[in-house]
Amino acid sequence: MSKHLASVLTTVNGPYSVQLGDATLAHCLADLDLAKQHPGHVSAFLGEVPPALQVEFALVHHIQVPDLKAFAAAFSAWSGESYPLAA
């Protein structure tokens, strides 16, 4: 994984003692039930990582942009937070 994509994990994992790897984060972005087990990490990804980097991370992990946007909307509805990709 490139250095700037690795910065995604730094942002997502920064405040948490449980650290997610890139594969686990990618699985969370494809599975709402799994994401609900790591709401802080997923919220940090959707809210603190720039949208262009979110898209790049998703594509590297074989998550299509429409699927990521649909996930962001579903997670937003569940969490009550708003995220740029959910719009």
PDB file of N, CA and C in Angstrom:
ATOM      1  N   MET A   1       0.854  -1.166   0.000  1.00  0.00           N
ATOM      2  CA  MET A   1       0.000   0.000   0.000  1.00  0.00           C
ATOM      3  C   MET A   1       0.903   1.234   0.000  1.00  0.00           C
ATOM      4  N   SER A   2       0.492   2.256  -0.748  1.00  0.00           N
ATOM      5  CA  SER A   2       1.295   3.466  -0.837  1.00  0.00           C
ATOM      6  C   SER A   2       1.299   4.231   0.480  1.00  0.00           C
ATOM      7  N   LYS A   3       2.248   5.135   0.592  1.00  0.00           N
ATOM      8  CA  LYS A   3       2.403   5.895   1.828  1.00  0.00           C
ATOM      9  C   LYS A   3       1.164   6.736   2.122  1.00  0.00           C
ATOM     10  N   HIS A   4       0.598   7.391   1.094  1.00  0.00           N
ATOM     11  CA  HIS A   4      -0.572   8.226   1.358  1.00  0.00           C
ATOM     12  C   HIS A   4      -1.800   7.387   1.673  1.00  0.00           C
ATOM     13  N   LEU A   5      -1.895   6.180   1.146  1.00  0.00           N
ATOM     14  CA  LEU A   5      -2.996   5.304   1.549  1.00  0.00           C
ATOM     15  C   LEU A   5      -2.776   4.785   2.967  1.00  0.00           C
ATOM     16  N   ALA A   6      -1.535   4.590   3.355  1.00  0.00           N
ATOM     17  CA  ALA A   6      -1.245   4.180   4.729  1.00  0.00           C
ATOM     18  C   ALA A   6      -1.665   5.269   5.709  1.00  0.00           C
ATOM     19  N   SER A   7      -1.655   6.525   5.252  1.00  0.00           N
ATOM     20  CA  SER A   7      -2.087   7.619   6.128  1.00  0.00           C
ATOM     21  C   SER A   7      -3.568   7.487   6.482  1.00  0.00           C
ATOM     22  N   VAL A   8      -4.326   6.781   5.655  1.00  0.00           N
ATOM     23  CA  VAL A   8      -5.731   6.516   5.978  1.00  0.00           C
ATOM     24  C   VAL A   8      -5.808   5.765   7.299  1.00  0.00           C
ATOM     25  N   LEU A   9      -4.979   4.746   7.447  1.00  0.00           N
ATOM     26  CA  LEU A   9      -4.999   3.947   8.677  1.00  0.00           C
ATOM     27  C   LEU A   9      -4.549   4.763   9.877  1.00  0.00           C
ATOM     28  N   THR A  10      -3.609   5.668   9.682  1.00  0.00           N
ATOM     29  CA  THR A  10      -3.182   6.533  10.777  1.00  0.00           C
ATOM     30  C   THR A  10      -4.352   7.383  11.254  1.00  0.00           C
ATOM     31  N   THR A  11      -5.099   7.928  10.327  1.00  0.00           N
ATOM     32  CA  THR A  11      -6.263   8.753  10.674  1.00  0.00           C
ATOM     33  C   THR A  11      -7.347   7.919  11.345  1.00  0.00           C
ATOM     34  N   VAL A  12      -7.640   6.777  10.786  1.00  0.00           N
ATOM     35  CA  VAL A  12      -8.721   5.923  11.278  1.00  0.00           C
ATOM     36  C   VAL A  12      -8.381   5.318  12.641  1.00  0.00           C
ATOM     37  N   ASN A  13      -7.147   4.914  12.823  1.00  0.00           N
ATOM     38  CA  ASN A  13      -6.752   4.208  14.046  1.00  0.00           C
ATOM     39  C   ASN A  13      -6.249   5.129  15.154  1.00  0.00           C
ATOM     40  N   GLY A  14      -5.909   6.362  14.820  1.00  0.00           N
ATOM     41  CA  GLY A  14      -5.267   7.270  15.749  1.00  0.00           C
ATOM     42  C   GLY A  14      -5.815   7.269  17.168  1.00  0.00           C
ATOM     43  N   PRO A  15      -7.104   7.483  17.359  1.00  0.00           N
ATOM     44  CA  PRO A  15      -7.601   7.606  18.731  1.00  0.00           C
ATOM     45  C   PRO A  15      -7.986   6.286  19.408  1.00  0.00           C
ATOM     46  N   TYR A  16      -7.765   5.168  18.756  1.00  0.00           N
ATOM     47  CA  TYR A  16      -8.278   3.896  19.280  1.00  0.00           C
ATOM     48  C   TYR A  16      -7.156   2.931  19.645  1.00  0.00           C
ATOM     49  N   SER A  17      -7.379   2.175  20.710  1.00  0.00           N
ATOM     50  CA  SER A  17      -6.393   1.167  21.101  1.00  0.00           C
ATOM     51  C   SER A  17      -6.476  -0.053  20.185  1.00  0.00           C
ATOM     52  N   VAL A  18      -7.655  -0.354  19.678  1.00  0.00           N
ATOM     53  CA  VAL A  18      -7.814  -1.441  18.708  1.00  0.00           C
ATOM     54  C   VAL A  18      -7.491  -0.866  17.332  1.00  0.00           C
ATOM     55  N   GLN A  19      -6.522  -1.456  16.678  1.00  0.00           N
ATOM     56  CA  GLN A  19      -6.066  -0.980  15.378  1.00  0.00           C
ATOM     57  C   GLN A  19      -6.617  -1.870  14.272  1.00  0.00           C
ATOM     58  N   LEU A  20      -7.212  -1.258  13.255  1.00  0.00           N
ATOM     59  CA  LEU A  20      -7.696  -2.012  12.104  1.00  0.00           C
ATOM     60  C   LEU A  20      -6.637  -2.000  11.018  1.00  0.00           C
ATOM     61  N   GLY A  21      -6.449  -3.135  10.372  1.00  0.00           N
ATOM     62  CA  GLY A  21      -5.596  -3.202   9.196  1.00  0.00           C
ATOM     63  C   GLY A  21      -6.387  -2.764   7.978  1.00  0.00           C
ATOM     64  N   ASP A  22      -5.700  -2.596   6.867  1.00  0.00           N
ATOM     65  CA  ASP A  22      -6.389  -2.116   5.672  1.00  0.00           C
ATOM     66  C   ASP A  22      -7.439  -3.106   5.181  1.00  0.00           C
ATOM     67  N   ALA A  23      -7.168  -4.398   5.262  1.00  0.00           N
ATOM     68  CA  ALA A  23      -8.149  -5.393   4.813  1.00  0.00           C
ATOM     69  C   ALA A  23      -9.395  -5.374   5.695  1.00  0.00           C
ATOM     70  N   THR A  24      -9.203  -5.231   7.009  1.00  0.00           N
ATOM     71  CA  THR A  24     -10.351  -5.185   7.914  1.00  0.00           C
ATOM     72  C   THR A  24     -11.177  -3.932   7.672  1.00  0.00           C
ATOM     73  N   LEU A  25     -10.507  -2.796   7.502  1.00  0.00           N
ATOM     74  CA  LEU A  25     -11.237  -1.564   7.200  1.00  0.00           C
ATOM     75  C   LEU A  25     -12.014  -1.717   5.897  1.00  0.00           C
ATOM     76  N   ALA A  26     -11.400  -2.293   4.891  1.00  0.00           N
ATOM     77  CA  ALA A  26     -12.090  -2.498   3.618  1.00  0.00           C
ATOM     78  C   ALA A  26     -13.312  -3.393   3.795  1.00  0.00           C
ATOM     79  N   HIS A  27     -13.189  -4.436   4.610  1.00  0.00           N
ATOM     80  CA  HIS A  27     -14.347  -5.304   4.870  1.00  0.00           C
ATOM     81  C   HIS A  27     -15.452  -4.523   5.567  1.00  0.00           C
ATOM     82  N   CYS A  28     -15.078  -3.635   6.478  1.00  0.00           N
ATOM     83  CA  CYS A  28     -16.078  -2.797   7.156  1.00  0.00           C
ATOM     84  C   CYS A  28     -16.825  -1.924   6.153  1.00  0.00           C
ATOM     85  N   LEU A  29     -16.117  -1.435   5.137  1.00  0.00           N
ATOM     86  CA  LEU A  29     -16.730  -0.552   4.141  1.00  0.00           C
ATOM     87  C   LEU A  29     -17.638  -1.297   3.178  1.00  0.00           C
ATOM     88  N   ALA A  30     -17.615  -2.603   3.249  1.00  0.00           N
ATOM     89  CA  ALA A  30     -18.456  -3.419   2.379  1.00  0.00           C
ATOM     90  C   ALA A  30     -19.542  -4.158   3.152  1.00  0.00           C
ATOM     91  N   ASP A  31     -19.571  -3.995   4.476  1.00  0.00           N
ATOM     92  CA  ASP A  31     -20.500  -4.768   5.307  1.00  0.00           C
ATOM     93  C   ASP A  31     -20.970  -3.892   6.474  1.00  0.00           C
ATOM     94  N   LEU A  32     -22.187  -3.398   6.393  1.00  0.00           N
ATOM     95  CA  LEU A  32     -22.708  -2.488   7.412  1.00  0.00           C
ATOM     96  C   LEU A  32     -22.723  -3.122   8.796  1.00  0.00           C
ATOM     97  N   ASP A  33     -23.061  -4.393   8.883  1.00  0.00           N
ATOM     98  CA  ASP A  33     -23.076  -5.051  10.199  1.00  0.00           C
ATOM     99  C   ASP A  33     -21.683  -5.082  10.820  1.00  0.00           C
ATOM    100  N   LEU A  34     -20.668  -5.360  10.025  1.00  0.00           N
ATOM    101  CA  LEU A  34     -19.300  -5.335  10.521  1.00  0.00           C
ATOM    102  C   LEU A  34     -18.894  -3.905  10.884  1.00  0.00           C
ATOM    103  N   ALA A  35     -19.285  -2.944  10.071  1.00  0.00           N
ATOM    104  CA  ALA A  35     -18.972  -1.536  10.346  1.00  0.00           C
ATOM    105  C   ALA A  35     -19.547  -1.086  11.685  1.00  0.00           C
ATOM    106  N   LYS A  36     -20.709  -1.602  12.028  1.00  0.00           N
ATOM    107  CA  LYS A  36     -21.343  -1.240  13.300  1.00  0.00           C
ATOM    108  C   LYS A  36     -20.531  -1.731  14.495  1.00  0.00           C
ATOM    109  N   GLN A  37     -19.648  -2.703  14.280  1.00  0.00           N
ATOM    110  CA  GLN A  37     -18.777  -3.189  15.343  1.00  0.00           C
ATOM    111  C   GLN A  37     -17.557  -2.277  15.526  1.00  0.00           C
ATOM    112  N   HIS A  38     -17.323  -1.405  14.558  1.00  0.00           N
ATOM    113  CA  HIS A  38     -16.181  -0.474  14.584  1.00  0.00           C
ATOM    114  C   HIS A  38     -16.653   0.919  14.175  1.00  0.00           C
ATOM    115  N   PRO A  39     -17.678   1.445  14.847  1.00  0.00           N
ATOM    116  CA  PRO A  39     -18.281   2.705  14.380  1.00  0.00           C
ATOM    117  C   PRO A  39     -17.325   3.897  14.409  1.00  0.00           C
ATOM    118  N   GLY A  40     -16.446   3.963  15.383  1.00  0.00           N
ATOM    119  CA  GLY A  40     -15.513   5.086  15.449  1.00  0.00           C
ATOM    120  C   GLY A  40     -14.530   5.092  14.294  1.00  0.00           C
ATOM    121  N   HIS A  41     -14.008   3.926  13.983  1.00  0.00           N
ATOM    122  CA  HIS A  41     -13.063   3.803  12.873  1.00  0.00           C
ATOM    123  C   HIS A  41     -13.732   4.183  11.553  1.00  0.00           C
ATOM    124  N   VAL A  42     -14.921   3.654  11.338  1.00  0.00           N
ATOM    125  CA  VAL A  42     -15.624   3.909  10.080  1.00  0.00           C
ATOM    126  C   VAL A  42     -16.025   5.377   9.994  1.00  0.00           C
ATOM    127  N   SER A  43     -16.483   5.931  11.104  1.00  0.00           N
ATOM    128  CA  SER A  43     -16.836   7.348  11.111  1.00  0.00           C
ATOM    129  C   SER A  43     -15.626   8.222  10.816  1.00  0.00           C
ATOM    130  N   ALA A  44     -14.472   7.867  11.373  1.00  0.00           N
ATOM    131  CA  ALA A  44     -13.248   8.614  11.082  1.00  0.00           C
ATOM    132  C   ALA A  44     -12.895   8.517   9.606  1.00  0.00           C
ATOM    133  N   PHE A  45     -13.048   7.332   9.033  1.00  0.00           N
ATOM    134  CA  PHE A  45     -12.773   7.169   7.601  1.00  0.00           C
ATOM    135  C   PHE A  45     -13.684   8.064   6.779  1.00  0.00           C
ATOM    136  N   LEU A  46     -14.970   8.000   7.040  1.00  0.00           N
ATOM    137  CA  LEU A  46     -15.941   8.746   6.230  1.00  0.00           C
ATOM    138  C   LEU A  46     -15.941  10.242   6.515  1.00  0.00           C
ATOM    139  N   GLY A  47     -15.537  10.626   7.729  1.00  0.00           N
ATOM    140  CA  GLY A  47     -15.621  12.023   8.098  1.00  0.00           C
ATOM    141  C   GLY A  47     -14.319  12.791   8.114  1.00  0.00           C
ATOM    142  N   GLU A  48     -13.198  12.094   8.269  1.00  0.00           N
ATOM    143  CA  GLU A  48     -11.915  12.783   8.419  1.00  0.00           C
ATOM    144  C   GLU A  48     -10.950  12.553   7.255  1.00  0.00           C
ATOM    145  N   VAL A  49     -11.109  11.458   6.549  1.00  0.00           N
ATOM    146  CA  VAL A  49     -10.258  11.181   5.387  1.00  0.00           C
ATOM    147  C   VAL A  49     -10.854  11.922   4.195  1.00  0.00           C
ATOM    148  N   PRO A  50     -10.046  12.661   3.440  1.00  0.00           N
ATOM    149  CA  PRO A  50     -10.580  13.376   2.276  1.00  0.00           C
ATOM    150  C   PRO A  50     -11.292  12.412   1.316  1.00  0.00           C
ATOM    151  N   PRO A  51     -12.423  12.843   0.744  1.00  0.00           N
ATOM    152  CA  PRO A  51     -13.193  11.964  -0.144  1.00  0.00           C
ATOM    153  C   PRO A  51     -12.378  11.341  -1.278  1.00  0.00           C
ATOM    154  N   ALA A  52     -11.481  12.088  -1.882  1.00  0.00           N
ATOM    155  CA  ALA A  52     -10.677  11.516  -2.976  1.00  0.00           C
ATOM    156  C   ALA A  52      -9.820  10.356  -2.474  1.00  0.00           C
ATOM    157  N   LEU A  53      -9.308  10.476  -1.271  1.00  0.00           N
ATOM    158  CA  LEU A  53      -8.498   9.401  -0.697  1.00  0.00           C
ATOM    159  C   LEU A  53      -9.375   8.229  -0.273  1.00  0.00           C
ATOM    160  N   GLN A  54     -10.598   8.507   0.157  1.00  0.00           N
ATOM    161  CA  GLN A  54     -11.551   7.429   0.455  1.00  0.00           C
ATOM    162  C   GLN A  54     -11.794   6.598  -0.800  1.00  0.00           C
ATOM    163  N   VAL A  55     -12.033   7.290  -1.899  1.00  0.00           N
ATOM    164  CA  VAL A  55     -12.301   6.602  -3.164  1.00  0.00           C
ATOM    165  C   VAL A  55     -11.091   5.787  -3.591  1.00  0.00           C
ATOM    166  N   GLU A  56      -9.902   6.369  -3.486  1.00  0.00           N
ATOM    167  CA  GLU A  56      -8.696   5.639  -3.879  1.00  0.00           C
ATOM    168  C   GLU A  56      -8.504   4.391  -3.014  1.00  0.00           C
ATOM    169  N   PHE A  57      -8.690   4.534  -1.699  1.00  0.00           N
ATOM    170  CA  PHE A  57      -8.576   3.395  -0.795  1.00  0.00           C
ATOM    171  C   PHE A  57      -9.573   2.309  -1.194  1.00  0.00           C
ATOM    172  N   ALA A  58     -10.810   2.714  -1.435  1.00  0.00           N
ATOM    173  CA  ALA A  58     -11.850   1.746  -1.796  1.00  0.00           C
ATOM    174  C   ALA A  58     -11.492   1.016  -3.094  1.00  0.00           C
ATOM    175  N   LEU A  59     -11.066   1.748  -4.098  1.00  0.00           N
ATOM    176  CA  LEU A  59     -10.747   1.115  -5.383  1.00  0.00           C
ATOM    177  C   LEU A  59      -9.580   0.146  -5.271  1.00  0.00           C
ATOM    178  N   VAL A  60      -8.586   0.495  -4.463  1.00  0.00           N
ATOM    179  CA  VAL A  60      -7.455  -0.421  -4.243  1.00  0.00           C
ATOM    180  C   VAL A  60      -7.949  -1.728  -3.622  1.00  0.00           C
ATOM    181  N   HIS A  61      -9.025  -1.632  -2.839  1.00  0.00           N
ATOM    182  CA  HIS A  61      -9.571  -2.812  -2.168  1.00  0.00           C
ATOM    183  C   HIS A  61     -10.806  -3.373  -2.887  1.00  0.00           C
ATOM    184  N   HIS A  62     -10.931  -3.033  -4.165  1.00  0.00           N
ATOM    185  CA  HIS A  62     -11.961  -3.603  -5.043  1.00  0.00           C
ATOM    186  C   HIS A  62     -13.388  -3.266  -4.607  1.00  0.00           C
ATOM    187  N   ILE A  63     -13.561  -2.073  -4.041  1.00  0.00           N
ATOM    188  CA  ILE A  63     -14.889  -1.570  -3.705  1.00  0.00           C
ATOM    189  C   ILE A  63     -15.198  -0.473  -4.719  1.00  0.00           C
ATOM    190  N   GLN A  64     -16.247  -0.650  -5.476  1.00  0.00           N
ATOM    191  CA  GLN A  64     -16.607   0.314  -6.500  1.00  0.00           C
ATOM    192  C   GLN A  64     -17.177   1.590  -5.871  1.00  0.00           C
ATOM    193  N   VAL A  65     -16.981   2.719  -6.540  1.00  0.00           N
ATOM    194  CA  VAL A  65     -17.411   4.012  -6.011  1.00  0.00           C
ATOM    195  C   VAL A  65     -18.910   4.051  -5.701  1.00  0.00           C
ATOM    196  N   PRO A  66     -19.787   3.559  -6.581  1.00  0.00           N
ATOM    197  CA  PRO A  66     -21.214   3.576  -6.227  1.00  0.00           C
ATOM    198  C   PRO A  66     -21.520   2.761  -4.966  1.00  0.00           C
ATOM    199  N   ASP A  67     -20.784   1.660  -4.785  1.00  0.00           N
ATOM    200  CA  ASP A  67     -20.975   0.844  -3.583  1.00  0.00           C
ATOM    201  C   ASP A  67     -20.488   1.584  -2.338  1.00  0.00           C
ATOM    202  N   LEU A  68     -19.370   2.300  -2.450  1.00  0.00           N
ATOM    203  CA  LEU A  68     -18.866   3.080  -1.321  1.00  0.00           C
ATOM    204  C   LEU A  68     -19.847   4.192  -0.962  1.00  0.00           C
ATOM    205  N   LYS A  69     -20.400   4.855  -1.974  1.00  0.00           N
ATOM    206  CA  LYS A  69     -21.374   5.922  -1.717  1.00  0.00           C
ATOM    207  C   LYS A  69     -22.641   5.362  -1.072  1.00  0.00           C
ATOM    208  N   ALA A  70     -23.090   4.224  -1.536  1.00  0.00           N
ATOM    209  CA  ALA A  70     -24.274   3.590  -0.934  1.00  0.00           C
ATOM    210  C   ALA A  70     -23.984   3.189   0.509  1.00  0.00           C
ATOM    211  N   PHE A  71     -22.790   2.668   0.751  1.00  0.00           N
ATOM    212  CA  PHE A  71     -22.400   2.324   2.116  1.00  0.00           C
ATOM    213  C   PHE A  71     -22.373   3.566   2.994  1.00  0.00           C
ATOM    214  N   ALA A  72     -21.782   4.647   2.497  1.00  0.00           N
ATOM    215  CA  ALA A  72     -21.695   5.890   3.274  1.00  0.00           C
ATOM    216  C   ALA A  72     -23.089   6.396   3.628  1.00  0.00           C
ATOM    217  N   ALA A  73     -24.019   6.306   2.687  1.00  0.00           N
ATOM    218  CA  ALA A  73     -25.392   6.734   2.956  1.00  0.00           C
ATOM    219  C   ALA A  73     -26.044   5.848   4.011  1.00  0.00           C
ATOM    220  N   ALA A  74     -25.843   4.553   3.916  1.00  0.00           N
ATOM    221  CA  ALA A  74     -26.424   3.621   4.898  1.00  0.00           C
ATOM    222  C   ALA A  74     -25.811   3.828   6.281  1.00  0.00           C
ATOM    223  N   PHE A  75     -24.485   4.021   6.338  1.00  0.00           N
ATOM    224  CA  PHE A  75     -23.834   4.242   7.623  1.00  0.00           C
ATOM    225  C   PHE A  75     -24.274   5.585   8.206  1.00  0.00           C
ATOM    226  N   SER A  76     -24.437   6.571   7.363  1.00  0.00           N
ATOM    227  CA  SER A  76     -24.913   7.879   7.800  1.00  0.00           C
ATOM    228  C   SER A  76     -26.309   7.772   8.406  1.00  0.00           C
ATOM    229  N   ALA A  77     -27.180   7.045   7.741  1.00  0.00           N
ATOM    230  CA  ALA A  77     -28.544   6.854   8.251  1.00  0.00           C
ATOM    231  C   ALA A  77     -28.520   6.134   9.592  1.00  0.00           C
ATOM    232  N   TRP A  78     -27.651   5.152   9.730  1.00  0.00           N
ATOM    233  CA  TRP A  78     -27.550   4.398  10.980  1.00  0.00           C
ATOM    234  C   TRP A  78     -26.960   5.242  12.107  1.00  0.00           C
ATOM    235  N   SER A  79     -25.895   5.991  11.793  1.00  0.00           N
ATOM    236  CA  SER A  79     -25.158   6.727  12.841  1.00  0.00           C
ATOM    237  C   SER A  79     -25.747   8.094  13.154  1.00  0.00           C
ATOM    238  N   GLY A  80     -26.508   8.656  12.224  1.00  0.00           N
ATOM    239  CA  GLY A  80     -27.026  10.000  12.404  1.00  0.00           C
ATOM    240  C   GLY A  80     -26.025  11.080  12.026  1.00  0.00           C
ATOM    241  N   GLU A  81     -24.855  10.704  11.566  1.00  0.00           N
ATOM    242  CA  GLU A  81     -23.834  11.652  11.131  1.00  0.00           C
ATOM    243  C   GLU A  81     -23.979  11.888   9.627  1.00  0.00           C
ATOM    244  N   SER A  82     -23.432  12.995   9.165  1.00  0.00           N
ATOM    245  CA  SER A  82     -23.432  13.244   7.717  1.00  0.00           C
ATOM    246  C   SER A  82     -21.985  13.185   7.212  1.00  0.00           C
ATOM    247  N   TYR A  83     -21.833  12.628   6.030  1.00  0.00           N
ATOM    248  CA  TYR A  83     -20.522  12.444   5.439  1.00  0.00           C
ATOM    249  C   TYR A  83     -20.567  12.899   3.990  1.00  0.00           C
ATOM    250  N   PRO A  84     -19.452  13.446   3.474  1.00  0.00           N
ATOM    251  CA  PRO A  84     -19.449  13.948   2.104  1.00  0.00           C
ATOM    252  C   PRO A  84     -19.891  12.929   1.048  1.00  0.00           C
ATOM    253  N   LEU A  85     -19.438  11.694   1.155  1.00  0.00           N
ATOM    254  CA  LEU A  85     -19.806  10.704   0.139  1.00  0.00           C
ATOM    255  C   LEU A  85     -21.244  10.224   0.271  1.00  0.00           C
ATOM    256  N   ALA A  86     -21.885  10.518   1.387  1.00  0.00           N
ATOM    257  CA  ALA A  86     -23.274  10.082   1.593  1.00  0.00           C
ATOM    258  C   ALA A  86     -24.250  11.041   0.945  1.00  0.00           C
ATOM    259  N   ALA A  87     -23.773  12.200   0.536  1.00  0.00           N
ATOM    260  CA  ALA A  87     -24.668  13.225  -0.035  1.00  0.00           C
ATOM    261  C   ALA A  87     -25.216  12.833  -1.381  1.00  0.00           C
TER     262      ALA A  87
END
